[in-house]
Amino acid sequence: MACPETYQKVLHADLLVRPLAPDDVPAVLDIERQGYSHPWSESVFLDCFKDNYRLWGVCHGDMLMAYAVVAYFVDEAHLLNICVHPRGRGEGVGRYLLRHVLATAAHEGMSQLLLEVRVSNHAAIALYQSEGFHEIGQRPGYYPAANGREDARVLMRALGR
């Protein structure tokens, strides 16, 4: 977990959270390919530019440092993808973006945020738990892995209205 001083440094950094546009997809793909062994394709990202999706980016100047893809269904938000550029990892950028996603979803009337995370992704699980998420189930074989499939933990956090 990022220490409070690290997160405070992010709050005082020159960071901007903004909606992503289709023109951002090449930069998103660059981060995605550096962050995941089985990255999403360009067509998957482009298919997310719909009314019930929110795509957020964290920028430092002109550089995209992180992104998140969230789908809204009735009163439930589902965090489908979140990734931080290697230069921003461990610096509080992911926590900053996650808090923005949570606040925006609550503001837009969502009652909860769900997500899946690889059971082996201990850093992400620790981040989510420190932000109030708890496990509500598992999805066996949810993620592709080098040697077959990997299970996912399903985490949820209630959002205040």
C-alpha atoms as a PDB file:
ATOM      1  CA  MET A   1       0.000   0.000   0.000  1.00  0.00           C
ATOM      2  CA  ALA A   2       1.201   3.496  -0.775  1.00  0.00           C
ATOM      3  CA  CYS A   3       2.163   5.391   2.333  1.00  0.00           C
ATOM      4  CA  PRO A   4       0.196   8.566   3.134  1.00  0.00           C
ATOM      5  CA  GLU A   5       3.180  10.723   2.144  1.00  0.00           C
ATOM      6  CA  THR A   6       3.264   9.139  -1.332  1.00  0.00           C
ATOM      7  CA  TYR A   7      -0.435   9.793  -1.850  1.00  0.00           C
ATOM      8  CA  GLN A   8      -0.042  13.386  -0.634  1.00  0.00           C
ATOM      9  CA  LYS A   9       2.721  13.827  -3.223  1.00  0.00           C
ATOM     10  CA  VAL A  10       0.272  12.705  -5.922  1.00  0.00           C
ATOM     11  CA  LEU A  11      -2.346  15.168  -4.690  1.00  0.00           C
ATOM     12  CA  HIS A  12       0.152  18.005  -5.091  1.00  0.00           C
ATOM     13  CA  ALA A  13       1.489  16.790  -8.445  1.00  0.00           C
ATOM     14  CA  ASP A  14       0.418  18.295 -11.721  1.00  0.00           C
ATOM     15  CA  LEU A  15      -2.107  15.530 -12.480  1.00  0.00           C
ATOM     16  CA  LEU A  16      -5.387  15.839 -14.318  1.00  0.00           C
ATOM     17  CA  VAL A  17      -8.154  13.233 -14.441  1.00  0.00           C
ATOM     18  CA  ARG A  18     -10.175  13.579 -17.621  1.00  0.00           C
ATOM     19  CA  PRO A  19     -12.491  11.511 -19.812  1.00  0.00           C
ATOM     20  CA  LEU A  20     -10.681   9.552 -22.482  1.00  0.00           C
ATOM     21  CA  ALA A  21     -11.423   9.936 -26.188  1.00  0.00           C
ATOM     22  CA  PRO A  22     -10.840   7.472 -29.038  1.00  0.00           C
ATOM     23  CA  ASP A  23      -7.686   9.472 -29.909  1.00  0.00           C
ATOM     24  CA  ASP A  24      -6.226   8.323 -26.556  1.00  0.00           C
ATOM     25  CA  VAL A  25      -6.397   4.629 -27.473  1.00  0.00           C
ATOM     26  CA  PRO A  26      -2.792   4.373 -28.792  1.00  0.00           C
ATOM     27  CA  ALA A  27      -1.444   5.689 -25.445  1.00  0.00           C
ATOM     28  CA  VAL A  28      -3.854   3.419 -23.546  1.00  0.00           C
ATOM     29  CA  LEU A  29      -2.638   0.426 -25.563  1.00  0.00           C
ATOM     30  CA  ASP A  30       0.967   1.299 -24.764  1.00  0.00           C
ATOM     31  CA  ILE A  31       0.242   1.208 -21.027  1.00  0.00           C
ATOM     32  CA  GLU A  32      -1.970  -1.879 -21.389  1.00  0.00           C
ATOM     33  CA  ARG A  33       0.772  -3.842 -23.158  1.00  0.00           C
ATOM     34  CA  GLN A  34       3.322  -2.903 -20.490  1.00  0.00           C
ATOM     35  CA  GLY A  35       0.952  -3.828 -17.677  1.00  0.00           C
ATOM     36  CA  TYR A  36      -0.707  -7.079 -18.703  1.00  0.00           C
ATOM     37  CA  SER A  37       0.427 -10.421 -20.044  1.00  0.00           C
ATOM     38  CA  HIS A  38      -2.850 -10.723 -21.998  1.00  0.00           C
ATOM     39  CA  PRO A  39      -3.732  -7.133 -23.001  1.00  0.00           C
ATOM     40  CA  TRP A  40      -7.024  -5.960 -24.425  1.00  0.00           C
ATOM     41  CA  SER A  41      -7.053  -5.246 -28.160  1.00  0.00           C
ATOM     42  CA  GLU A  42      -7.633  -1.881 -29.779  1.00  0.00           C
ATOM     43  CA  SER A  43     -11.105  -2.992 -30.901  1.00  0.00           C
ATOM     44  CA  VAL A  44     -12.110  -3.875 -27.323  1.00  0.00           C
ATOM     45  CA  PHE A  45     -11.127  -0.402 -26.095  1.00  0.00           C
ATOM     46  CA  LEU A  46     -12.875   1.306 -29.004  1.00  0.00           C
ATOM     47  CA  ASP A  47     -16.023  -0.705 -28.288  1.00  0.00           C
ATOM     48  CA  CYS A  48     -16.130   0.832 -24.773  1.00  0.00           C
ATOM     49  CA  PHE A  49     -16.962   4.330 -26.041  1.00  0.00           C
ATOM     50  CA  LYS A  50     -20.680   3.962 -25.278  1.00  0.00           C
ATOM     51  CA  ASP A  51     -23.157   5.922 -23.193  1.00  0.00           C
ATOM     52  CA  ASN A  52     -23.102   3.483 -20.265  1.00  0.00           C
ATOM     53  CA  TYR A  53     -19.297   3.379 -20.029  1.00  0.00           C
ATOM     54  CA  ARG A  54     -16.901   5.812 -18.390  1.00  0.00           C
ATOM     55  CA  LEU A  55     -13.283   5.908 -19.568  1.00  0.00           C
ATOM     56  CA  TRP A  56     -10.947   7.977 -17.407  1.00  0.00           C
ATOM     57  CA  GLY A  57      -7.328   8.937 -17.837  1.00  0.00           C
ATOM     58  CA  VAL A  58      -4.805  10.457 -15.458  1.00  0.00           C
ATOM     59  CA  CYS A  59      -2.432  12.785 -17.272  1.00  0.00           C
ATOM     60  CA  HIS A  60       0.784  14.462 -16.214  1.00  0.00           C
ATOM     61  CA  GLY A  61       1.127  17.214 -18.773  1.00  0.00           C
ATOM     62  CA  ASP A  62       0.612  15.543 -22.138  1.00  0.00           C
ATOM     63  CA  MET A  63       1.552  12.080 -20.853  1.00  0.00           C
ATOM     64  CA  LEU A  64      -1.137   9.534 -20.011  1.00  0.00           C
ATOM     65  CA  MET A  65      -0.128   7.955 -16.698  1.00  0.00           C
ATOM     66  CA  ALA A  66      -3.121   5.676 -16.028  1.00  0.00           C
ATOM     67  CA  TYR A  67      -6.570   4.797 -17.289  1.00  0.00           C
ATOM     68  CA  ALA A  68      -9.740   3.119 -16.091  1.00  0.00           C
ATOM     69  CA  VAL A  69     -12.728   1.635 -17.921  1.00  0.00           C
ATOM     70  CA  VAL A  70     -16.005   1.419 -16.001  1.00  0.00           C
ATOM     71  CA  ALA A  71     -19.384   0.088 -17.183  1.00  0.00           C
ATOM     72  CA  TYR A  72     -22.639   1.267 -15.625  1.00  0.00           C
ATOM     73  CA  PHE A  73     -25.581  -1.152 -15.455  1.00  0.00           C
ATOM     74  CA  VAL A  74     -28.746   0.180 -13.790  1.00  0.00           C
ATOM     75  CA  ASP A  75     -27.314   1.219 -10.371  1.00  0.00           C
ATOM     76  CA  GLU A  76     -24.134  -0.862 -10.426  1.00  0.00           C
ATOM     77  CA  ALA A  77     -20.698   0.186 -11.687  1.00  0.00           C
ATOM     78  CA  HIS A  78     -18.235  -2.467 -12.848  1.00  0.00           C
ATOM     79  CA  LEU A  79     -14.537  -1.581 -13.041  1.00  0.00           C
ATOM     80  CA  LEU A  80     -13.470  -3.522 -16.118  1.00  0.00           C
ATOM     81  CA  ASN A  81      -9.889  -2.339 -16.478  1.00  0.00           C
ATOM     82  CA  ILE A  82      -7.458  -0.105 -14.624  1.00  0.00           C
ATOM     83  CA  CYS A  83      -3.764   0.193 -15.333  1.00  0.00           C
ATOM     84  CA  VAL A  84      -0.917   2.547 -14.402  1.00  0.00           C
ATOM     85  CA  HIS A  85       2.104   3.361 -16.556  1.00  0.00           C
ATOM     86  CA  PRO A  86       5.275   1.775 -15.119  1.00  0.00           C
ATOM     87  CA  ARG A  87       6.620   5.267 -14.254  1.00  0.00           C
ATOM     88  CA  GLY A  88       3.570   5.922 -12.058  1.00  0.00           C
ATOM     89  CA  ARG A  89       3.407   2.622 -10.186  1.00  0.00           C
ATOM     90  CA  GLY A  90       3.926   2.782  -6.451  1.00  0.00           C
ATOM     91  CA  GLU A  91       3.443   6.560  -6.544  1.00  0.00           C
ATOM     92  CA  GLY A  92      -0.255   6.706  -5.598  1.00  0.00           C
ATOM     93  CA  VAL A  93      -1.510   7.302  -9.155  1.00  0.00           C
ATOM     94  CA  GLY A  94      -3.655   4.152  -9.152  1.00  0.00           C
ATOM     95  CA  ARG A  95      -5.221   5.049  -5.799  1.00  0.00           C
ATOM     96  CA  TYR A  96      -5.887   8.587  -7.075  1.00  0.00           C
ATOM     97  CA  LEU A  97      -7.674   7.231 -10.147  1.00  0.00           C
ATOM     98  CA  LEU A  98      -9.585   4.594  -8.159  1.00  0.00           C
ATOM     99  CA  ARG A  99     -10.871   7.269  -5.777  1.00  0.00           C
ATOM    100  CA  HIS A 100     -11.994   9.350  -8.757  1.00  0.00           C
ATOM    101  CA  VAL A 101     -13.862   6.340 -10.199  1.00  0.00           C
ATOM    102  CA  LEU A 102     -15.540   5.701  -6.830  1.00  0.00           C
ATOM    103  CA  ALA A 103     -16.539   9.325  -6.308  1.00  0.00           C
ATOM    104  CA  THR A 104     -17.874   9.731  -9.837  1.00  0.00           C
ATOM    105  CA  ALA A 105     -19.869   6.490  -9.698  1.00  0.00           C
ATOM    106  CA  ALA A 106     -21.421   7.521  -6.375  1.00  0.00           C
ATOM    107  CA  HIS A 107     -22.195  11.002  -7.741  1.00  0.00           C
ATOM    108  CA  GLU A 108     -23.876   9.422 -10.783  1.00  0.00           C
ATOM    109  CA  GLY A 109     -26.184   7.316  -8.568  1.00  0.00           C
ATOM    110  CA  MET A 110     -24.411   3.976  -8.590  1.00  0.00           C
ATOM    111  CA  SER A 111     -24.975   1.929  -5.413  1.00  0.00           C
ATOM    112  CA  GLN A 112     -21.872  -0.265  -5.655  1.00  0.00           C
ATOM    113  CA  LEU A 113     -18.685  -0.868  -7.593  1.00  0.00           C
ATOM    114  CA  LEU A 114     -17.674  -4.404  -8.565  1.00  0.00           C
ATOM    115  CA  LEU A 115     -14.413  -5.642 -10.022  1.00  0.00           C
ATOM    116  CA  GLU A 116     -12.450  -8.789 -10.733  1.00  0.00           C
ATOM    117  CA  VAL A 117      -8.769  -9.123  -9.870  1.00  0.00           C
ATOM    118  CA  ARG A 118      -6.320 -11.960 -10.458  1.00  0.00           C
ATOM    119  CA  VAL A 119      -5.810 -14.009  -7.289  1.00  0.00           C
ATOM    120  CA  SER A 120      -2.046 -13.561  -7.827  1.00  0.00           C
ATOM    121  CA  ASN A 121      -2.215  -9.741  -7.987  1.00  0.00           C
ATOM    122  CA  HIS A 122      -1.466  -9.124  -4.315  1.00  0.00           C
ATOM    123  CA  ALA A 123      -0.584  -5.428  -4.767  1.00  0.00           C
ATOM    124  CA  ALA A 124      -3.932  -4.652  -6.419  1.00  0.00           C
ATOM    125  CA  ILE A 125      -5.856  -6.698  -3.845  1.00  0.00           C
ATOM    126  CA  ALA A 126      -4.147  -4.786  -1.026  1.00  0.00           C
ATOM    127  CA  LEU A 127      -5.025  -1.472  -2.702  1.00  0.00           C
ATOM    128  CA  TYR A 128      -8.669  -2.445  -3.163  1.00  0.00           C
ATOM    129  CA  GLN A 129      -9.013  -3.719   0.399  1.00  0.00           C
ATOM    130  CA  SER A 130      -7.442  -0.535   1.774  1.00  0.00           C
ATOM    131  CA  GLU A 131     -10.100   1.411  -0.157  1.00  0.00           C
ATOM    132  CA  GLY A 132     -12.983  -0.535   1.413  1.00  0.00           C
ATOM    133  CA  PHE A 133     -13.547  -3.397  -1.039  1.00  0.00           C
ATOM    134  CA  HIS A 134     -14.358  -6.876   0.215  1.00  0.00           C
ATOM    135  CA  GLU A 135     -14.542 -10.231  -1.533  1.00  0.00           C
ATOM    136  CA  ILE A 136     -17.981 -11.459  -2.534  1.00  0.00           C
ATOM    137  CA  GLY A 137     -16.932 -14.465  -4.627  1.00  0.00           C
ATOM    138  CA  GLN A 138     -14.509 -15.992  -7.082  1.00  0.00           C
ATOM    139  CA  ARG A 139     -14.618 -16.718 -10.802  1.00  0.00           C
ATOM    140  CA  PRO A 140     -12.688 -19.924 -11.593  1.00  0.00           C
ATOM    141  CA  GLY A 141     -10.510 -19.723 -14.701  1.00  0.00           C
ATOM    142  CA  TYR A 142     -11.568 -16.143 -15.403  1.00  0.00           C
ATOM    143  CA  TYR A 143      -8.239 -14.818 -16.702  1.00  0.00           C
ATOM    144  CA  PRO A 144      -5.942 -16.229 -19.389  1.00  0.00           C
ATOM    145  CA  ALA A 145      -2.558 -17.159 -17.956  1.00  0.00           C
ATOM    146  CA  ALA A 146       0.785 -18.424 -19.224  1.00  0.00           C
ATOM    147  CA  ASN A 147      -0.127 -21.992 -18.223  1.00  0.00           C
ATOM    148  CA  GLY A 148      -3.874 -22.072 -18.823  1.00  0.00           C
ATOM    149  CA  ARG A 149      -6.280 -19.976 -16.767  1.00  0.00           C
ATOM    150  CA  GLU A 150      -6.192 -18.087 -13.468  1.00  0.00           C
ATOM    151  CA  ASP A 151      -9.001 -17.531 -10.979  1.00  0.00           C
ATOM    152  CA  ALA A 152     -10.346 -14.070 -10.177  1.00  0.00           C
ATOM    153  CA  ARG A 153     -11.478 -12.679  -6.862  1.00  0.00           C
ATOM    154  CA  VAL A 154     -14.693 -10.668  -7.174  1.00  0.00           C
ATOM    155  CA  LEU A 155     -14.565  -7.598  -4.965  1.00  0.00           C
ATOM    156  CA  MET A 156     -17.290  -5.100  -4.154  1.00  0.00           C
ATOM    157  CA  ARG A 157     -17.608  -1.781  -2.417  1.00  0.00           C
ATOM    158  CA  ALA A 158     -20.884  -0.108  -1.521  1.00  0.00           C
ATOM    159  CA  LEU A 159     -21.133   3.536  -2.533  1.00  0.00           C
ATOM    160  CA  GLY A 160     -22.827   6.195  -0.459  1.00  0.00           C
ATOM    161  CA  ARG A 161     -25.585   8.117  -2.133  1.00  0.00           C
END
